[in-house]
């Protein structure tokens, strides 16, 4: 009887463990998830919603601005506050490429940054980390100033 009870207990524990294991998305689904998150993050600028913008920042976020490095979500939010002044966003961005690690916990998103007239002014590179409870937050952000066409020689 003890052997049967032990077998049933072990089986229940194993099944419970399976039920508790989260379903892991494939890489393409994770890439879409990160791209959607990046678009929602960009929408906070268009909507002029700095509080929503800040909610996408990891506590230890690092943003590069030229030679300046801003560390921490509160400091990034403060540094970006000027971009939320006024009725029109000073720029917009859209993910063009997203790559996710095989572990599904870290991703790179990259794409164009445009001025209000739609002209390319920069390219962004953002690193996103999957944090509990299943929310992607940005940990690194760095832009690269767009270069104009090379003059004909």
C-alpha atoms as a PDB file:
ATOM      1  CA  UNK A   1       0.000   0.000   0.000  1.00  0.00           C
ATOM      2  CA  UNK A   2       2.843   2.383   0.831  1.00  0.00           C
ATOM      3  CA  UNK A   3       4.459   1.700  -2.543  1.00  0.00           C
ATOM      4  CA  UNK A   4       1.219   2.560  -4.343  1.00  0.00           C
ATOM      5  CA  UNK A   5       0.770   5.742  -2.295  1.00  0.00           C
ATOM      6  CA  UNK A   6       4.378   6.763  -2.967  1.00  0.00           C
ATOM      7  CA  UNK A   7       3.929   6.165  -6.710  1.00  0.00           C
ATOM      8  CA  UNK A   8       0.722   8.200  -6.783  1.00  0.00           C
ATOM      9  CA  UNK A   9       2.382  11.025  -4.836  1.00  0.00           C
ATOM     10  CA  UNK A  10       5.419  11.117  -7.153  1.00  0.00           C
ATOM     11  CA  UNK A  11       3.143  11.039 -10.208  1.00  0.00           C
ATOM     12  CA  UNK A  12       1.027  13.898  -8.861  1.00  0.00           C
ATOM     13  CA  UNK A  13       4.124  15.978  -8.168  1.00  0.00           C
ATOM     14  CA  UNK A  14       5.450  15.336 -11.677  1.00  0.00           C
ATOM     15  CA  UNK A  15       2.139  16.257 -13.291  1.00  0.00           C
ATOM     16  CA  UNK A  16       1.866  19.342 -11.114  1.00  0.00           C
ATOM     17  CA  UNK A  17       5.336  20.365 -12.234  1.00  0.00           C
ATOM     18  CA  UNK A  18       4.282  20.022 -15.859  1.00  0.00           C
ATOM     19  CA  UNK A  19       1.196  22.125 -15.277  1.00  0.00           C
ATOM     20  CA  UNK A  20       3.283  24.835 -13.625  1.00  0.00           C
ATOM     21  CA  UNK A  21       5.806  24.979 -16.488  1.00  0.00           C
ATOM     22  CA  UNK A  22       4.960  27.989 -18.660  1.00  0.00           C
ATOM     23  CA  UNK A  23       4.447  27.441 -22.366  1.00  0.00           C
ATOM     24  CA  UNK A  24       7.512  28.818 -24.126  1.00  0.00           C
ATOM     25  CA  UNK A  25       6.870  30.791 -27.308  1.00  0.00           C
ATOM     26  CA  UNK A  26       8.949  30.118 -30.403  1.00  0.00           C
ATOM     27  CA  UNK A  27      11.490  32.696 -31.574  1.00  0.00           C
ATOM     28  CA  UNK A  28       9.223  34.175 -34.251  1.00  0.00           C
ATOM     29  CA  UNK A  29       6.425  34.698 -31.714  1.00  0.00           C
ATOM     30  CA  UNK A  30       8.865  36.278 -29.251  1.00  0.00           C
ATOM     31  CA  UNK A  31      10.189  38.569 -31.999  1.00  0.00           C
ATOM     32  CA  UNK A  32       6.627  39.703 -32.772  1.00  0.00           C
ATOM     33  CA  UNK A  33       6.031  40.253 -29.046  1.00  0.00           C
ATOM     34  CA  UNK A  34       9.127  42.470 -28.757  1.00  0.00           C
ATOM     35  CA  UNK A  35       8.252  44.372 -31.963  1.00  0.00           C
ATOM     36  CA  UNK A  36       4.743  44.987 -30.599  1.00  0.00           C
ATOM     37  CA  UNK A  37       6.256  46.162 -27.311  1.00  0.00           C
ATOM     38  CA  UNK A  38       8.615  48.521 -29.160  1.00  0.00           C
ATOM     39  CA  UNK A  39       5.673  49.942 -31.140  1.00  0.00           C
ATOM     40  CA  UNK A  40       3.681  50.464 -27.930  1.00  0.00           C
ATOM     41  CA  UNK A  41       6.735  52.143 -26.386  1.00  0.00           C
ATOM     42  CA  UNK A  42       7.022  54.447 -29.425  1.00  0.00           C
ATOM     43  CA  UNK A  43       3.301  55.198 -29.199  1.00  0.00           C
ATOM     44  CA  UNK A  44       3.857  56.707 -25.732  1.00  0.00           C
ATOM     45  CA  UNK A  45       5.848  59.481 -27.430  1.00  0.00           C
ATOM     46  CA  UNK A  46       3.174  60.080 -30.071  1.00  0.00           C
ATOM     47  CA  UNK A  47       0.478  60.065 -27.369  1.00  0.00           C
ATOM     48  CA  UNK A  48       2.584  62.459 -25.240  1.00  0.00           C
ATOM     49  CA  UNK A  49       2.294  60.062 -22.277  1.00  0.00           C
ATOM     50  CA  UNK A  50       5.511  60.168 -20.274  1.00  0.00           C
ATOM     51  CA  UNK A  51       4.108  58.007 -17.457  1.00  0.00           C
ATOM     52  CA  UNK A  52       3.412  55.219 -19.960  1.00  0.00           C
ATOM     53  CA  UNK A  53       6.897  55.741 -21.474  1.00  0.00           C
ATOM     54  CA  UNK A  54       8.458  55.325 -18.043  1.00  0.00           C
ATOM     55  CA  UNK A  55       6.573  52.064 -17.443  1.00  0.00           C
ATOM     56  CA  UNK A  56       8.622  50.415 -20.217  1.00  0.00           C
ATOM     57  CA  UNK A  57      11.961  51.291 -18.576  1.00  0.00           C
ATOM     58  CA  UNK A  58      13.833  48.680 -16.564  1.00  0.00           C
ATOM     59  CA  UNK A  59      14.893  49.994 -13.159  1.00  0.00           C
ATOM     60  CA  UNK A  60      18.540  49.806 -14.250  1.00  0.00           C
ATOM     61  CA  UNK A  61      17.996  51.175 -17.789  1.00  0.00           C
ATOM     62  CA  UNK A  62      20.955  52.800 -19.540  1.00  0.00           C
ATOM     63  CA  UNK A  63      20.259  55.330 -22.310  1.00  0.00           C
ATOM     64  CA  UNK A  64      22.993  56.882 -24.429  1.00  0.00           C
ATOM     65  CA  UNK A  65      22.599  60.423 -25.718  1.00  0.00           C
ATOM     66  CA  UNK A  66      25.641  61.462 -27.703  1.00  0.00           C
ATOM     67  CA  UNK A  67      28.572  61.222 -25.300  1.00  0.00           C
ATOM     68  CA  UNK A  68      26.268  61.310 -22.274  1.00  0.00           C
ATOM     69  CA  UNK A  69      25.087  58.156 -20.485  1.00  0.00           C
ATOM     70  CA  UNK A  70      21.953  58.249 -18.339  1.00  0.00           C
ATOM     71  CA  UNK A  71      21.495  55.421 -15.817  1.00  0.00           C
ATOM     72  CA  UNK A  72      18.334  54.312 -14.041  1.00  0.00           C
ATOM     73  CA  UNK A  73      14.661  54.594 -14.972  1.00  0.00           C
ATOM     74  CA  UNK A  74      14.088  57.735 -12.912  1.00  0.00           C
ATOM     75  CA  UNK A  75      17.060  59.515 -14.450  1.00  0.00           C
ATOM     76  CA  UNK A  76      16.089  58.424 -17.988  1.00  0.00           C
ATOM     77  CA  UNK A  77      12.515  59.643 -17.423  1.00  0.00           C
ATOM     78  CA  UNK A  78      13.875  62.976 -16.185  1.00  0.00           C
ATOM     79  CA  UNK A  79      16.286  63.309 -19.136  1.00  0.00           C
ATOM     80  CA  UNK A  80      13.500  62.522 -21.619  1.00  0.00           C
ATOM     81  CA  UNK A  81      10.921  64.849 -20.022  1.00  0.00           C
ATOM     82  CA  UNK A  82      11.721  67.615 -22.515  1.00  0.00           C
ATOM     83  CA  UNK A  83      10.689  65.324 -25.396  1.00  0.00           C
ATOM     84  CA  UNK A  84       7.176  65.187 -23.934  1.00  0.00           C
ATOM     85  CA  UNK A  85       6.686  68.970 -23.843  1.00  0.00           C
ATOM     86  CA  UNK A  86       4.375  70.374 -26.493  1.00  0.00           C
ATOM     87  CA  UNK A  87       1.552  68.946 -28.560  1.00  0.00           C
ATOM     88  CA  UNK A  88       3.699  67.276 -31.249  1.00  0.00           C
ATOM     89  CA  UNK A  89       6.318  64.589 -30.739  1.00  0.00           C
ATOM     90  CA  UNK A  90       9.789  65.738 -31.845  1.00  0.00           C
ATOM     91  CA  UNK A  91      10.460  62.336 -33.453  1.00  0.00           C
ATOM     92  CA  UNK A  92       9.020  58.880 -33.965  1.00  0.00           C
ATOM     93  CA  UNK A  93      10.495  55.411 -34.333  1.00  0.00           C
ATOM     94  CA  UNK A  94       9.504  51.993 -35.600  1.00  0.00           C
ATOM     95  CA  UNK A  95      11.172  48.611 -35.142  1.00  0.00           C
ATOM     96  CA  UNK A  96      12.595  47.306 -38.388  1.00  0.00           C
ATOM     97  CA  UNK A  97      14.556  44.339 -37.063  1.00  0.00           C
ATOM     98  CA  UNK A  98      14.123  42.294 -33.903  1.00  0.00           C
ATOM     99  CA  UNK A  99      16.298  39.415 -32.737  1.00  0.00           C
ATOM    100  CA  UNK A 100      15.655  37.382 -29.583  1.00  0.00           C
ATOM    101  CA  UNK A 101      18.131  35.136 -27.769  1.00  0.00           C
ATOM    102  CA  UNK A 102      17.386  31.416 -27.778  1.00  0.00           C
ATOM    103  CA  UNK A 103      16.599  31.667 -24.058  1.00  0.00           C
ATOM    104  CA  UNK A 104      13.766  34.055 -24.926  1.00  0.00           C
ATOM    105  CA  UNK A 105      14.777  36.546 -22.246  1.00  0.00           C
ATOM    106  CA  UNK A 106      16.778  39.210 -24.091  1.00  0.00           C
ATOM    107  CA  UNK A 107      16.134  40.940 -27.420  1.00  0.00           C
ATOM    108  CA  UNK A 108      17.543  43.576 -29.740  1.00  0.00           C
ATOM    109  CA  UNK A 109      15.200  45.941 -31.560  1.00  0.00           C
ATOM    110  CA  UNK A 110      16.487  48.331 -34.180  1.00  0.00           C
ATOM    111  CA  UNK A 111      15.012  50.700 -36.714  1.00  0.00           C
ATOM    112  CA  UNK A 112      14.654  54.225 -38.080  1.00  0.00           C
ATOM    113  CA  UNK A 113      13.971  57.394 -36.111  1.00  0.00           C
ATOM    114  CA  UNK A 114      12.158  60.077 -38.100  1.00  0.00           C
ATOM    115  CA  UNK A 115      11.553  63.776 -37.541  1.00  0.00           C
ATOM    116  CA  UNK A 116       7.945  65.107 -37.617  1.00  0.00           C
ATOM    117  CA  UNK A 117       8.192  65.480 -41.404  1.00  0.00           C
ATOM    118  CA  UNK A 118       9.122  61.825 -41.796  1.00  0.00           C
ATOM    119  CA  UNK A 119      12.811  62.362 -42.616  1.00  0.00           C
ATOM    120  CA  UNK A 120      15.306  59.836 -41.283  1.00  0.00           C
ATOM    121  CA  UNK A 121      17.382  61.454 -38.536  1.00  0.00           C
ATOM    122  CA  UNK A 122      18.664  58.498 -36.529  1.00  0.00           C
ATOM    123  CA  UNK A 123      18.660  54.742 -36.114  1.00  0.00           C
ATOM    124  CA  UNK A 124      17.851  53.308 -32.691  1.00  0.00           C
ATOM    125  CA  UNK A 125      19.191  50.145 -31.091  1.00  0.00           C
ATOM    126  CA  UNK A 126      17.373  48.944 -28.001  1.00  0.00           C
ATOM    127  CA  UNK A 127      17.973  45.930 -25.785  1.00  0.00           C
ATOM    128  CA  UNK A 128      14.845  44.521 -24.132  1.00  0.00           C
ATOM    129  CA  UNK A 129      14.769  42.091 -21.199  1.00  0.00           C
ATOM    130  CA  UNK A 130      11.829  39.872 -20.301  1.00  0.00           C
ATOM    131  CA  UNK A 131      11.003  40.613 -16.671  1.00  0.00           C
ATOM    132  CA  UNK A 132       8.398  39.206 -14.320  1.00  0.00           C
ATOM    133  CA  UNK A 133       5.482  38.907 -14.833  1.00  0.00           C
ATOM    134  CA  UNK A 134       6.134  38.442 -18.557  1.00  0.00           C
ATOM    135  CA  UNK A 135       6.716  42.128 -19.381  1.00  0.00           C
ATOM    136  CA  UNK A 136       9.442  43.296 -21.738  1.00  0.00           C
ATOM    137  CA  UNK A 137      11.369  46.298 -20.403  1.00  0.00           C
ATOM    138  CA  UNK A 138      14.101  48.259 -22.094  1.00  0.00           C
ATOM    139  CA  UNK A 139      17.551  47.994 -20.498  1.00  0.00           C
ATOM    140  CA  UNK A 140      19.764  49.720 -23.097  1.00  0.00           C
ATOM    141  CA  UNK A 141      19.006  52.309 -25.757  1.00  0.00           C
ATOM    142  CA  UNK A 142      21.466  53.930 -28.140  1.00  0.00           C
ATOM    143  CA  UNK A 143      20.871  55.925 -31.277  1.00  0.00           C
ATOM    144  CA  UNK A 144      23.184  56.358 -34.213  1.00  0.00           C
ATOM    145  CA  UNK A 145      22.883  59.618 -36.092  1.00  0.00           C
ATOM    146  CA  UNK A 146      21.790  59.086 -39.670  1.00  0.00           C
ATOM    147  CA  UNK A 147      24.321  60.074 -42.283  1.00  0.00           C
ATOM    148  CA  UNK A 148      23.216  61.925 -45.363  1.00  0.00           C
ATOM    149  CA  UNK A 149      24.077  60.737 -48.851  1.00  0.00           C
ATOM    150  CA  UNK A 150      27.730  60.899 -49.771  1.00  0.00           C
ATOM    151  CA  UNK A 151      28.582  63.676 -52.206  1.00  0.00           C
ATOM    152  CA  UNK A 152      29.284  62.624 -55.785  1.00  0.00           C
ATOM    153  CA  UNK A 153      32.946  62.993 -56.679  1.00  0.00           C
END
